[in-house]
PDB file of N, CA and C in Angstrom:
ATOM      1  N   MET A   1       7.799 -21.151  -2.179  1.00  0.00           N
ATOM      2  CA  MET A   1       6.702 -20.651  -1.342  1.00  0.00           C
ATOM      3  C   MET A   1       7.067 -20.937   0.178  1.00  0.00           C
ATOM      4  N   ASP A   2       6.520 -20.086   0.974  1.00  0.00           N
ATOM      5  CA  ASP A   2       6.602 -20.312   2.411  1.00  0.00           C
ATOM      6  C   ASP A   2       5.236 -20.652   2.935  1.00  0.00           C
ATOM      7  N   SER A   3       5.018 -21.772   3.519  1.00  0.00           N
ATOM      8  CA  SER A   3       3.745 -22.198   3.910  1.00  0.00           C
ATOM      9  C   SER A   3       3.210 -21.362   5.079  1.00  0.00           C
ATOM     10  N   ASN A   4       4.032 -20.594   5.786  1.00  0.00           N
ATOM     11  CA  ASN A   4       3.591 -19.780   6.828  1.00  0.00           C
ATOM     12  C   ASN A   4       3.348 -18.304   6.408  1.00  0.00           C
ATOM     13  N   CYS A   5       3.610 -17.976   5.122  1.00  0.00           N
ATOM     14  CA  CYS A   5       3.585 -16.567   4.725  1.00  0.00           C
ATOM     15  C   CYS A   5       2.186 -16.224   4.215  1.00  0.00           C
ATOM     16  N   ILE A   6       1.624 -15.161   4.776  1.00  0.00           N
ATOM     17  CA  ILE A   6       0.238 -14.781   4.330  1.00  0.00           C
ATOM     18  C   ILE A   6       0.171 -14.403   2.911  1.00  0.00           C
ATOM     19  N   PHE A   7       1.281 -13.733   2.347  1.00  0.00           N
ATOM     20  CA  PHE A   7       1.281 -13.375   0.972  1.00  0.00           C
ATOM     21  C   PHE A   7       1.385 -14.585   0.005  1.00  0.00           C
ATOM     22  N   CYS A   8       2.160 -15.573   0.483  1.00  0.00           N
ATOM     23  CA  CYS A   8       2.261 -16.808  -0.307  1.00  0.00           C
ATOM     24  C   CYS A   8       0.865 -17.503  -0.351  1.00  0.00           C
ATOM     25  N   LYS A   9       0.177 -17.515   0.768  1.00  0.00           N
ATOM     26  CA  LYS A   9      -1.205 -18.019   0.798  1.00  0.00           C
ATOM     27  C   LYS A   9      -2.165 -17.286  -0.145  1.00  0.00           C
ATOM     28  N   ILE A  10      -2.002 -15.992  -0.287  1.00  0.00           N
ATOM     29  CA  ILE A  10      -2.814 -15.176  -1.139  1.00  0.00           C
ATOM     30  C   ILE A  10      -2.507 -15.545  -2.569  1.00  0.00           C
ATOM     31  N   VAL A  11      -1.236 -15.627  -2.925  1.00  0.00           N
ATOM     32  CA  VAL A  11      -0.777 -15.910  -4.207  1.00  0.00           C
ATOM     33  C   VAL A  11      -1.309 -17.316  -4.616  1.00  0.00           C
ATOM     34  N   ASN A  12      -1.267 -18.276  -3.677  1.00  0.00           N
ATOM     35  CA  ASN A  12      -1.822 -19.695  -3.929  1.00  0.00           C
ATOM     36  C   ASN A  12      -3.298 -19.809  -3.905  1.00  0.00           C
ATOM     37  N   GLY A  13      -3.990 -18.777  -3.618  1.00  0.00           N
ATOM     38  CA  GLY A  13      -5.455 -18.720  -3.602  1.00  0.00           C
ATOM     39  C   GLY A  13      -6.068 -19.304  -2.386  1.00  0.00           C
ATOM     40  N   GLU A  14      -5.252 -19.517  -1.291  1.00  0.00           N
ATOM     41  CA  GLU A  14      -5.752 -20.032  -0.026  1.00  0.00           C
ATOM     42  C   GLU A  14      -6.476 -18.894   0.728  1.00  0.00           C
ATOM     43  N   ILE A  15      -6.110 -17.684   0.471  1.00  0.00           N
ATOM     44  CA  ILE A  15      -6.716 -16.523   1.155  1.00  0.00           C
ATOM     45  C   ILE A  15      -7.250 -15.648   0.029  1.00  0.00           C
ATOM     46  N   PRO A  16      -8.510 -15.237   0.099  1.00  0.00           N
ATOM     47  CA  PRO A  16      -9.068 -14.395  -0.919  1.00  0.00           C
ATOM     48  C   PRO A  16      -8.420 -13.003  -0.911  1.00  0.00           C
ATOM     49  N   ALA A  17      -8.378 -12.336  -2.110  1.00  0.00           N
ATOM     50  CA  ALA A  17      -7.819 -11.016  -2.253  1.00  0.00           C
ATOM     51  C   ALA A  17      -8.372 -10.433  -3.515  1.00  0.00           C
ATOM     52  N   ARG A  18      -8.442  -9.061  -3.533  1.00  0.00           N
ATOM     53  CA  ARG A  18      -8.764  -8.400  -4.772  1.00  0.00           C
ATOM     54  C   ARG A  18      -7.449  -8.091  -5.612  1.00  0.00           C
ATOM     55  N   PHE A  19      -7.337  -8.718  -6.772  1.00  0.00           N
ATOM     56  CA  PHE A  19      -6.111  -8.623  -7.540  1.00  0.00           C
ATOM     57  C   PHE A  19      -6.345  -7.422  -8.560  1.00  0.00           C
ATOM     58  N   ALA A  20      -5.341  -6.596  -8.624  1.00  0.00           N
ATOM     59  CA  ALA A  20      -5.174  -5.533  -9.580  1.00  0.00           C
ATOM     60  C   ALA A  20      -4.292  -5.886 -10.760  1.00  0.00           C
ATOM     61  N   HIS A  21      -3.480  -6.905 -10.491  1.00  0.00           N
ATOM     62  CA  HIS A  21      -2.562  -7.448 -11.470  1.00  0.00           C
ATOM     63  C   HIS A  21      -2.215  -8.901 -11.142  1.00  0.00           C
ATOM     64  N   ARG A  22      -2.109  -9.677 -12.140  1.00  0.00           N
ATOM     65  CA  ARG A  22      -1.576 -11.052 -11.946  1.00  0.00           C
ATOM     66  C   ARG A  22      -0.929 -11.624 -13.153  1.00  0.00           C
ATOM     67  N   ASP A  23       0.274 -12.002 -13.095  1.00  0.00           N
ATOM     68  CA  ASP A  23       0.890 -12.752 -14.127  1.00  0.00           C
ATOM     69  C   ASP A  23       1.771 -13.952 -13.457  1.00  0.00           C
ATOM     70  N   ASP A  24       2.520 -14.554 -14.261  1.00  0.00           N
ATOM     71  CA  ASP A  24       3.367 -15.692 -13.686  1.00  0.00           C
ATOM     72  C   ASP A  24       4.388 -15.294 -12.688  1.00  0.00           C
ATOM     73  N   ARG A  25       4.802 -13.985 -12.670  1.00  0.00           N
ATOM     74  CA  ARG A  25       5.977 -13.660 -11.727  1.00  0.00           C
ATOM     75  C   ARG A  25       5.580 -12.544 -10.772  1.00  0.00           C
ATOM     76  N   VAL A  26       4.579 -11.750 -11.040  1.00  0.00           N
ATOM     77  CA  VAL A  26       4.181 -10.580 -10.151  1.00  0.00           C
ATOM     78  C   VAL A  26       2.628 -10.507 -10.005  1.00  0.00           C
ATOM     79  N   VAL A  27       2.270 -10.202  -8.760  1.00  0.00           N
ATOM     80  CA  VAL A  27       0.834  -9.946  -8.456  1.00  0.00           C
ATOM     81  C   VAL A  27       0.736  -8.682  -7.777  1.00  0.00           C
ATOM     82  N   ALA A  28      -0.440  -8.070  -7.894  1.00  0.00           N
ATOM     83  CA  ALA A  28      -0.741  -6.795  -7.077  1.00  0.00           C
ATOM     84  C   ALA A  28      -2.171  -6.972  -6.484  1.00  0.00           C
ATOM     85  N   ILE A  29      -2.302  -6.693  -5.208  1.00  0.00           N
ATOM     86  CA  ILE A  29      -3.490  -6.785  -4.517  1.00  0.00           C
ATOM     87  C   ILE A  29      -3.847  -5.523  -3.840  1.00  0.00           C
ATOM     88  N   SER A  30      -5.109  -5.321  -3.492  1.00  0.00           N
ATOM     89  CA  SER A  30      -5.504  -4.145  -2.569  1.00  0.00           C
ATOM     90  C   SER A  30      -5.115  -4.491  -1.256  1.00  0.00           C
ATOM     91  N   ASP A  31      -4.643  -3.410  -0.601  1.00  0.00           N
ATOM     92  CA  ASP A  31      -4.281  -3.570   0.874  1.00  0.00           C
ATOM     93  C   ASP A  31      -5.543  -3.615   1.704  1.00  0.00           C
ATOM     94  N   VAL A  32      -5.580  -4.475   2.657  1.00  0.00           N
ATOM     95  CA  VAL A  32      -6.791  -4.549   3.590  1.00  0.00           C
ATOM     96  C   VAL A  32      -6.886  -3.476   4.551  1.00  0.00           C
ATOM     97  N   ASN A  33      -5.723  -2.704   4.788  1.00  0.00           N
ATOM     98  CA  ASN A  33      -5.721  -1.600   5.623  1.00  0.00           C
ATOM     99  C   ASN A  33      -5.161  -0.412   4.894  1.00  0.00           C
ATOM    100  N   PRO A  34      -5.911   0.182   3.956  1.00  0.00           N
ATOM    101  CA  PRO A  34      -5.399   1.185   3.121  1.00  0.00           C
ATOM    102  C   PRO A  34      -5.079   2.565   3.797  1.00  0.00           C
ATOM    103  N   GLN A  35      -3.930   3.018   3.367  1.00  0.00           N
ATOM    104  CA  GLN A  35      -3.454   4.338   3.876  1.00  0.00           C
ATOM    105  C   GLN A  35      -3.611   5.522   2.929  1.00  0.00           C
ATOM    106  N   ALA A  36      -4.317   5.235   1.834  1.00  0.00           N
ATOM    107  CA  ALA A  36      -4.631   6.245   0.834  1.00  0.00           C
ATOM    108  C   ALA A  36      -5.817   5.618   0.054  1.00  0.00           C
ATOM    109  N   PRO A  37      -6.538   6.469  -0.647  1.00  0.00           N
ATOM    110  CA  PRO A  37      -7.646   6.029  -1.483  1.00  0.00           C
ATOM    111  C   PRO A  37      -7.298   4.854  -2.349  1.00  0.00           C
ATOM    112  N   THR A  38      -6.125   4.890  -2.953  1.00  0.00           N
ATOM    113  CA  THR A  38      -5.561   3.644  -3.615  1.00  0.00           C
ATOM    114  C   THR A  38      -4.364   3.188  -2.865  1.00  0.00           C
ATOM    115  N   HIS A  39      -4.372   1.930  -2.438  1.00  0.00           N
ATOM    116  CA  HIS A  39      -3.267   1.388  -1.689  1.00  0.00           C
ATOM    117  C   HIS A  39      -3.156  -0.093  -2.170  1.00  0.00           C
ATOM    118  N   LEU A  40      -2.167  -0.316  -3.114  1.00  0.00           N
ATOM    119  CA  LEU A  40      -1.981  -1.625  -3.573  1.00  0.00           C
ATOM    120  C   LEU A  40      -0.672  -2.189  -3.134  1.00  0.00           C
ATOM    121  N   LEU A  41      -0.537  -3.466  -3.127  1.00  0.00           N
ATOM    122  CA  LEU A  41       0.721  -4.175  -2.778  1.00  0.00           C
ATOM    123  C   LEU A  41       1.134  -4.967  -3.958  1.00  0.00           C
ATOM    124  N   VAL A  42       2.335  -4.644  -4.507  1.00  0.00           N
ATOM    125  CA  VAL A  42       2.842  -5.421  -5.655  1.00  0.00           C
ATOM    126  C   VAL A  42       3.993  -6.315  -5.128  1.00  0.00           C
ATOM    127  N   MET A  43       3.871  -7.547  -5.417  1.00  0.00           N
ATOM    128  CA  MET A  43       4.857  -8.544  -4.942  1.00  0.00           C
ATOM    129  C   MET A  43       5.168  -9.644  -5.941  1.00  0.00           C
ATOM    130  N   PRO A  44       6.375 -10.300  -5.748  1.00  0.00           N
ATOM    131  CA  PRO A  44       6.713 -11.393  -6.605  1.00  0.00           C
ATOM    132  C   PRO A  44       5.879 -12.641  -6.275  1.00  0.00           C
ATOM    133  N   VAL A  45       5.601 -13.440  -7.189  1.00  0.00           N
ATOM    134  CA  VAL A  45       4.949 -14.740  -6.828  1.00  0.00           C
ATOM    135  C   VAL A  45       5.808 -15.581  -6.039  1.00  0.00           C
ATOM    136  N   ALA A  46       7.103 -15.646  -6.381  1.00  0.00           N
ATOM    137  CA  ALA A  46       8.130 -16.416  -5.646  1.00  0.00           C
ATOM    138  C   ALA A  46       8.348 -15.676  -4.323  1.00  0.00           C
ATOM    139  N   HIS A  47       8.591 -16.494  -3.232  1.00  0.00           N
ATOM    140  CA  HIS A  47       8.820 -15.848  -1.924  1.00  0.00           C
ATOM    141  C   HIS A  47      10.293 -15.393  -1.829  1.00  0.00           C
ATOM    142  N   HIS A  48      10.325 -14.072  -1.581  1.00  0.00           N
ATOM    143  CA  HIS A  48      11.595 -13.407  -1.244  1.00  0.00           C
ATOM    144  C   HIS A  48      11.306 -12.518  -0.050  1.00  0.00           C
ATOM    145  N   ALA A  49      12.001 -12.621   1.004  1.00  0.00           N
ATOM    146  CA  ALA A  49      11.657 -11.964   2.268  1.00  0.00           C
ATOM    147  C   ALA A  49      11.749 -10.466   2.089  1.00  0.00           C
ATOM    148  N   ASN A  50      12.727  -9.943   1.341  1.00  0.00           N
ATOM    149  CA  ASN A  50      12.806  -8.497   1.203  1.00  0.00           C
ATOM    150  C   ASN A  50      13.680  -8.118  -0.045  1.00  0.00           C
ATOM    151  N   ILE A  51      13.855  -6.867  -0.263  1.00  0.00           N
ATOM    152  CA  ILE A  51      14.591  -6.528  -1.520  1.00  0.00           C
ATOM    153  C   ILE A  51      16.108  -6.928  -1.488  1.00  0.00           C
ATOM    154  N   GLY A  52      16.615  -6.979  -0.223  1.00  0.00           N
ATOM    155  CA  GLY A  52      17.974  -7.466  -0.127  1.00  0.00           C
ATOM    156  C   GLY A  52      18.125  -8.927  -0.518  1.00  0.00           C
ATOM    157  N   GLU A  53      17.208  -9.737  -0.139  1.00  0.00           N
ATOM    158  CA  GLU A  53      17.236 -11.153  -0.489  1.00  0.00           C
ATOM    159  C   GLU A  53      17.024 -11.244  -1.995  1.00  0.00           C
ATOM    160  N   LEU A  54      16.180 -10.551  -2.551  1.00  0.00           N
ATOM    161  CA  LEU A  54      15.962 -10.641  -4.013  1.00  0.00           C
ATOM    162  C   LEU A  54      17.289 -10.137  -4.722  1.00  0.00           C
ATOM    163  N   SER A  55      17.834  -9.105  -4.228  1.00  0.00           N
ATOM    164  CA  SER A  55      19.082  -8.626  -4.817  1.00  0.00           C
ATOM    165  C   SER A  55      20.147  -9.712  -4.756  1.00  0.00           C
ATOM    166  N   ASP A  56      20.174 -10.356  -3.540  1.00  0.00           N
ATOM    167  CA  ASP A  56      21.220 -11.491  -3.451  1.00  0.00           C
ATOM    168  C   ASP A  56      20.957 -12.592  -4.403  1.00  0.00           C
ATOM    169  N   ALA A  57      19.662 -12.775  -4.738  1.00  0.00           N
ATOM    170  CA  ALA A  57      19.330 -13.767  -5.713  1.00  0.00           C
ATOM    171  C   ALA A  57      19.700 -13.443  -7.123  1.00  0.00           C
ATOM    172  N   ALA A  58      20.025 -12.146  -7.342  1.00  0.00           N
ATOM    173  CA  ALA A  58      20.525 -11.568  -8.613  1.00  0.00           C
ATOM    174  C   ALA A  58      19.484 -11.751  -9.741  1.00  0.00           C
ATOM    175  N   ASP A  59      18.205 -11.623  -9.359  1.00  0.00           N
ATOM    176  CA  ASP A  59      17.133 -11.696 -10.413  1.00  0.00           C
ATOM    177  C   ASP A  59      16.825 -10.248 -10.662  1.00  0.00           C
ATOM    178  N   ARG A  60      17.631  -9.581 -11.442  1.00  0.00           N
ATOM    179  CA  ARG A  60      17.379  -8.223 -11.860  1.00  0.00           C
ATOM    180  C   ARG A  60      16.054  -8.042 -12.745  1.00  0.00           C
ATOM    181  N   ALA A  61      15.736  -9.048 -13.556  1.00  0.00           N
ATOM    182  CA  ALA A  61      14.580  -8.968 -14.360  1.00  0.00           C
ATOM    183  C   ALA A  61      13.344  -8.908 -13.430  1.00  0.00           C
ATOM    184  N   LEU A  62      13.294  -9.765 -12.364  1.00  0.00           N
ATOM    185  CA  LEU A  62      12.135  -9.700 -11.450  1.00  0.00           C
ATOM    186  C   LEU A  62      12.040  -8.422 -10.719  1.00  0.00           C
ATOM    187  N   THR A  63      13.184  -7.836 -10.321  1.00  0.00           N
ATOM    188  CA  THR A  63      13.186  -6.529  -9.726  1.00  0.00           C
ATOM    189  C   THR A  63      12.642  -5.459 -10.584  1.00  0.00           C
ATOM    190  N   ALA A  64      13.019  -5.482 -11.889  1.00  0.00           N
ATOM    191  CA  ALA A  64      12.546  -4.546 -12.909  1.00  0.00           C
ATOM    192  C   ALA A  64      10.987  -4.787 -13.101  1.00  0.00           C
ATOM    193  N   GLU A  65      10.542  -5.952 -13.123  1.00  0.00           N
ATOM    194  CA  GLU A  65       9.171  -6.286 -13.368  1.00  0.00           C
ATOM    195  C   GLU A  65       8.344  -5.659 -12.224  1.00  0.00           C
ATOM    196  N   LEU A  66       8.816  -5.901 -10.916  1.00  0.00           N
ATOM    197  CA  LEU A  66       8.068  -5.370  -9.778  1.00  0.00           C
ATOM    198  C   LEU A  66       7.861  -3.857 -10.004  1.00  0.00           C
ATOM    199  N   PHE A  67       8.863  -3.110 -10.278  1.00  0.00           N
ATOM    200  CA  PHE A  67       8.818  -1.723 -10.400  1.00  0.00           C
ATOM    201  C   PHE A  67       8.029  -1.286 -11.667  1.00  0.00           C
ATOM    202  N   ALA A  68       8.096  -2.056 -12.731  1.00  0.00           N
ATOM    203  CA  ALA A  68       7.306  -1.722 -13.886  1.00  0.00           C
ATOM    204  C   ALA A  68       5.794  -1.838 -13.591  1.00  0.00           C
ATOM    205  N   VAL A  69       5.384  -2.938 -12.874  1.00  0.00           N
ATOM    206  CA  VAL A  69       4.010  -3.122 -12.529  1.00  0.00           C
ATOM    207  C   VAL A  69       3.557  -2.013 -11.571  1.00  0.00           C
ATOM    208  N   ALA A  70       4.420  -1.796 -10.574  1.00  0.00           N
ATOM    209  CA  ALA A  70       4.015  -0.830  -9.555  1.00  0.00           C
ATOM    210  C   ALA A  70       3.892   0.682 -10.179  1.00  0.00           C
ATOM    211  N   SER A  71       4.828   0.954 -11.089  1.00  0.00           N
ATOM    212  CA  SER A  71       4.779   2.268 -11.758  1.00  0.00           C
ATOM    213  C   SER A  71       3.483   2.326 -12.652  1.00  0.00           C
ATOM    214  N   ARG A  72       3.258   1.302 -13.413  1.00  0.00           N
ATOM    215  CA  ARG A  72       2.008   1.345 -14.212  1.00  0.00           C
ATOM    216  C   ARG A  72       0.746   1.510 -13.355  1.00  0.00           C
ATOM    217  N   LEU A  73       0.653   0.771 -12.339  1.00  0.00           N
ATOM    218  CA  LEU A  73      -0.524   0.955 -11.444  1.00  0.00           C
ATOM    219  C   LEU A  73      -0.574   2.308 -10.850  1.00  0.00           C
ATOM    220  N   GLY A  74       0.577   2.869 -10.431  1.00  0.00           N
ATOM    221  CA  GLY A  74       0.630   4.195  -9.913  1.00  0.00           C
ATOM    222  C   GLY A  74       0.092   5.249 -10.931  1.00  0.00           C
ATOM    223  N   ARG A  75       0.531   5.145 -12.187  1.00  0.00           N
ATOM    224  CA  ARG A  75       0.058   6.090 -13.135  1.00  0.00           C
ATOM    225  C   ARG A  75      -1.402   5.911 -13.471  1.00  0.00           C
ATOM    226  N   GLU A  76      -1.901   4.647 -13.427  1.00  0.00           N
ATOM    227  CA  GLU A  76      -3.339   4.430 -13.667  1.00  0.00           C
ATOM    228  C   GLU A  76      -4.171   4.971 -12.483  1.00  0.00           C
ATOM    229  N   HIS A  77      -3.759   4.870 -11.336  1.00  0.00           N
ATOM    230  CA  HIS A  77      -4.540   5.241 -10.156  1.00  0.00           C
ATOM    231  C   HIS A  77      -4.258   6.622  -9.605  1.00  0.00           C
ATOM    232  N   GLY A  78      -3.077   7.143  -9.965  1.00  0.00           N
ATOM    233  CA  GLY A  78      -2.679   8.425  -9.485  1.00  0.00           C
ATOM    234  C   GLY A  78      -2.128   9.322 -10.592  1.00  0.00           C
ATOM    235  N   PRO A  79      -3.020   9.822 -11.572  1.00  0.00           N
ATOM    236  CA  PRO A  79      -2.540  10.556 -12.622  1.00  0.00           C
ATOM    237  C   PRO A  79      -1.873  11.879 -12.175  1.00  0.00           C
ATOM    238  N   ASP A  80      -2.182  12.342 -10.948  1.00  0.00           N
ATOM    239  CA  ASP A  80      -1.555  13.564 -10.492  1.00  0.00           C
ATOM    240  C   ASP A  80      -0.340  13.334  -9.606  1.00  0.00           C
ATOM    241  N   GLY A  81      -0.052  11.998  -9.432  1.00  0.00           N
ATOM    242  CA  GLY A  81       1.072  11.583  -8.657  1.00  0.00           C
ATOM    243  C   GLY A  81       0.790  10.421  -7.768  1.00  0.00           C
ATOM    244  N   TYR A  82       1.843   9.733  -7.398  1.00  0.00           N
ATOM    245  CA  TYR A  82       1.682   8.476  -6.523  1.00  0.00           C
ATOM    246  C   TYR A  82       3.025   8.342  -5.794  1.00  0.00           C
ATOM    247  N   ARG A  83       2.947   7.412  -4.822  1.00  0.00           N
ATOM    248  CA  ARG A  83       4.175   7.072  -4.145  1.00  0.00           C
ATOM    249  C   ARG A  83       4.361   5.595  -4.100  1.00  0.00           C
ATOM    250  N   LEU A  84       5.594   5.190  -4.232  1.00  0.00           N
ATOM    251  CA  LEU A  84       5.939   3.785  -4.206  1.00  0.00           C
ATOM    252  C   LEU A  84       6.808   3.701  -2.857  1.00  0.00           C
ATOM    253  N   VAL A  85       6.523   2.700  -2.099  1.00  0.00           N
ATOM    254  CA  VAL A  85       7.231   2.467  -0.784  1.00  0.00           C
ATOM    255  C   VAL A  85       7.606   1.081  -0.642  1.00  0.00           C
ATOM    256  N   MET A  86       8.913   0.780  -0.266  1.00  0.00           N
ATOM    257  CA  MET A  86       9.287  -0.560   0.051  1.00  0.00           C
ATOM    258  C   MET A  86       9.927  -0.536   1.393  1.00  0.00           C
ATOM    259  N   ASN A  87       9.293  -1.246   2.381  1.00  0.00           N
ATOM    260  CA  ASN A  87       9.875  -1.384   3.698  1.00  0.00           C
ATOM    261  C   ASN A  87      10.722  -2.603   3.812  1.00  0.00           C
ATOM    262  N   THR A  88      11.896  -2.531   4.538  1.00  0.00           N
ATOM    263  CA  THR A  88      12.753  -3.672   4.693  1.00  0.00           C
ATOM    264  C   THR A  88      13.136  -3.780   6.169  1.00  0.00           C
ATOM    265  N   GLY A  89      12.835  -4.923   6.763  1.00  0.00           N
ATOM    266  CA  GLY A  89      13.241  -5.182   8.186  1.00  0.00           C
ATOM    267  C   GLY A  89      12.296  -4.445   9.071  1.00  0.00           C
ATOM    268  N   ALA A  90      12.433  -4.883  10.410  1.00  0.00           N
ATOM    269  CA  ALA A  90      11.606  -4.299  11.422  1.00  0.00           C
ATOM    270  C   ALA A  90      11.750  -2.780  11.550  1.00  0.00           C
ATOM    271  N   ASP A  91      13.013  -2.328  11.568  1.00  0.00           N
ATOM    272  CA  ASP A  91      13.255  -0.834  11.761  1.00  0.00           C
ATOM    273  C   ASP A  91      12.738  -0.106  10.511  1.00  0.00           C
ATOM    274  N   GLY A  92      12.645  -0.748   9.383  1.00  0.00           N
ATOM    275  CA  GLY A  92      12.154  -0.068   8.133  1.00  0.00           C
ATOM    276  C   GLY A  92      10.653  -0.156   8.020  1.00  0.00           C
ATOM    277  N   GLY A  93       9.981  -0.784   9.016  1.00  0.00           N
ATOM    278  CA  GLY A  93       8.515  -0.849   9.041  1.00  0.00           C
ATOM    279  C   GLY A  93       7.924  -2.083   8.277  1.00  0.00           C
ATOM    280  N   GLN A  94       8.724  -3.010   7.919  1.00  0.00           N
ATOM    281  CA  GLN A  94       8.190  -4.214   7.298  1.00  0.00           C
ATOM    282  C   GLN A  94       7.476  -5.106   8.195  1.00  0.00           C
ATOM    283  N   THR A  95       6.234  -5.453   7.972  1.00  0.00           N
ATOM    284  CA  THR A  95       5.417  -6.268   8.872  1.00  0.00           C
ATOM    285  C   THR A  95       5.183  -7.653   8.305  1.00  0.00           C
ATOM    286  N   VAL A  96       5.307  -7.835   6.968  1.00  0.00           N
ATOM    287  CA  VAL A  96       5.143  -9.216   6.393  1.00  0.00           C
ATOM    288  C   VAL A  96       6.484  -9.419   5.644  1.00  0.00           C
ATOM    289  N   ASP A  97       7.135 -10.577   5.986  1.00  0.00           N
ATOM    290  CA  ASP A  97       8.360 -10.939   5.379  1.00  0.00           C
ATOM    291  C   ASP A  97       8.250 -11.614   4.020  1.00  0.00           C
ATOM    292  N   HIS A  98       7.585 -10.835   3.149  1.00  0.00           N
ATOM    293  CA  HIS A  98       7.515 -11.211   1.689  1.00  0.00           C
ATOM    294  C   HIS A  98       7.561  -9.904   0.976  1.00  0.00           C
ATOM    295  N   LEU A  99       8.602  -9.797   0.193  1.00  0.00           N
ATOM    296  CA  LEU A  99       8.918  -8.483  -0.538  1.00  0.00           C
ATOM    297  C   LEU A  99       7.617  -7.923  -1.136  1.00  0.00           C
ATOM    298  N   HIS A 100       7.383  -6.783  -0.924  1.00  0.00           N
ATOM    299  CA  HIS A 100       6.199  -6.001  -1.575  1.00  0.00           C
ATOM    300  C   HIS A 100       6.428  -4.554  -1.699  1.00  0.00           C
ATOM    301  N   VAL A 101       5.940  -3.984  -2.764  1.00  0.00           N
ATOM    302  CA  VAL A 101       6.001  -2.510  -2.928  1.00  0.00           C
ATOM    303  C   VAL A 101       4.594  -1.987  -2.795  1.00  0.00           C
ATOM    304  N   HIS A 102       4.456  -0.946  -1.868  1.00  0.00           N
ATOM    305  CA  HIS A 102       3.219  -0.249  -1.649  1.00  0.00           C
ATOM    306  C   HIS A 102       3.045   0.761  -2.801  1.00  0.00           C
ATOM    307  N   VAL A 103       1.850   0.841  -3.353  1.00  0.00           N
ATOM    308  CA  VAL A 103       1.539   1.881  -4.361  1.00  0.00           C
ATOM    309  C   VAL A 103       0.427   2.696  -3.645  1.00  0.00           C
ATOM    310  N   LEU A 104       0.733   3.956  -3.424  1.00  0.00           N
ATOM    311  CA  LEU A 104      -0.256   4.819  -2.718  1.00  0.00           C
ATOM    312  C   LEU A 104      -0.565   5.948  -3.663  1.00  0.00           C
ATOM    313  N   ALA A 105      -1.866   6.272  -3.836  1.00  0.00           N
ATOM    314  CA  ALA A 105      -2.312   7.279  -4.730  1.00  0.00           C
ATOM    315  C   ALA A 105      -3.689   7.793  -4.290  1.00  0.00           C
ATOM    316  N   GLY A 106      -4.057   8.925  -4.865  1.00  0.00           N
ATOM    317  CA  GLY A 106      -5.385   9.376  -4.625  1.00  0.00           C
ATOM    318  C   GLY A 106      -5.535  10.497  -3.636  1.00  0.00           C
ATOM    319  N   ARG A 107      -4.346  10.960  -3.031  1.00  0.00           N
ATOM    320  CA  ARG A 107      -4.403  11.993  -2.048  1.00  0.00           C
ATOM    321  C   ARG A 107      -2.973  12.659  -2.051  1.00  0.00           C
ATOM    322  N   GLN A 108      -2.895  13.846  -1.522  1.00  0.00           N
ATOM    323  CA  GLN A 108      -1.566  14.554  -1.421  1.00  0.00           C
ATOM    324  C   GLN A 108      -0.671  13.762  -0.377  1.00  0.00           C
ATOM    325  N   MET A 109       0.484  13.381  -0.718  1.00  0.00           N
ATOM    326  CA  MET A 109       1.452  12.802   0.180  1.00  0.00           C
ATOM    327  C   MET A 109       2.235  13.869   0.974  1.00  0.00           C
ATOM    328  N   SER A 110       2.540  13.621   2.205  1.00  0.00           N
ATOM    329  CA  SER A 110       3.333  14.528   2.936  1.00  0.00           C
ATOM    330  C   SER A 110       4.756  14.107   3.055  1.00  0.00           C
ATOM    331  N   TRP A 111       5.640  14.958   3.379  1.00  0.00           N
ATOM    332  CA  TRP A 111       7.086  14.615   3.629  1.00  0.00           C
ATOM    333  C   TRP A 111       7.630  15.296   4.815  1.00  0.00           C
ATOM    334  N   PRO A 112       8.352  14.736   5.670  1.00  0.00           N
ATOM    335  CA  PRO A 112       8.877  13.349   5.495  1.00  0.00           C
ATOM    336  C   PRO A 112       7.754  12.286   5.752  1.00  0.00           C
ATOM    337  N   PRO A 113       7.919  11.166   5.280  1.00  0.00           N
ATOM    338  CA  PRO A 113       6.825  10.141   5.388  1.00  0.00           C
ATOM    339  C   PRO A 113       6.675   9.558   6.824  1.00  0.00           C
ATOM    340  N   GLY A 114       7.696   9.570   7.679  1.00  0.00           N
ATOM    341  CA  GLY A 114       7.491   9.046   8.965  1.00  0.00           C
ATOM    342  C   GLY A 114       8.607   8.387   9.587  1.00  0.00           C
TER     343      GLY A 114
END
């Protein structure tokens, strides 16, 4: 855990959040600034700054778990479709340095995304 990381504080219960999923390795919370009717953030319990760092840790099982949870939540909340987004680094739009997958559903998504 990173004591300065807002997502680590949420995982530890220091900051309240609405959980859509929680197990020993992966949590999903509602985004406080939703960009769609459903906007969830799926993240590992363990602190990994981004997907590159997790890939370097070679935890393929955790990577698969993140996408399995994100996909299940997407299907549940977006039966007509959903979008999974993972930002990495400042140029990629990442604003919190704790790996997370955005699950967006409940409206028509446009392309290109931005």
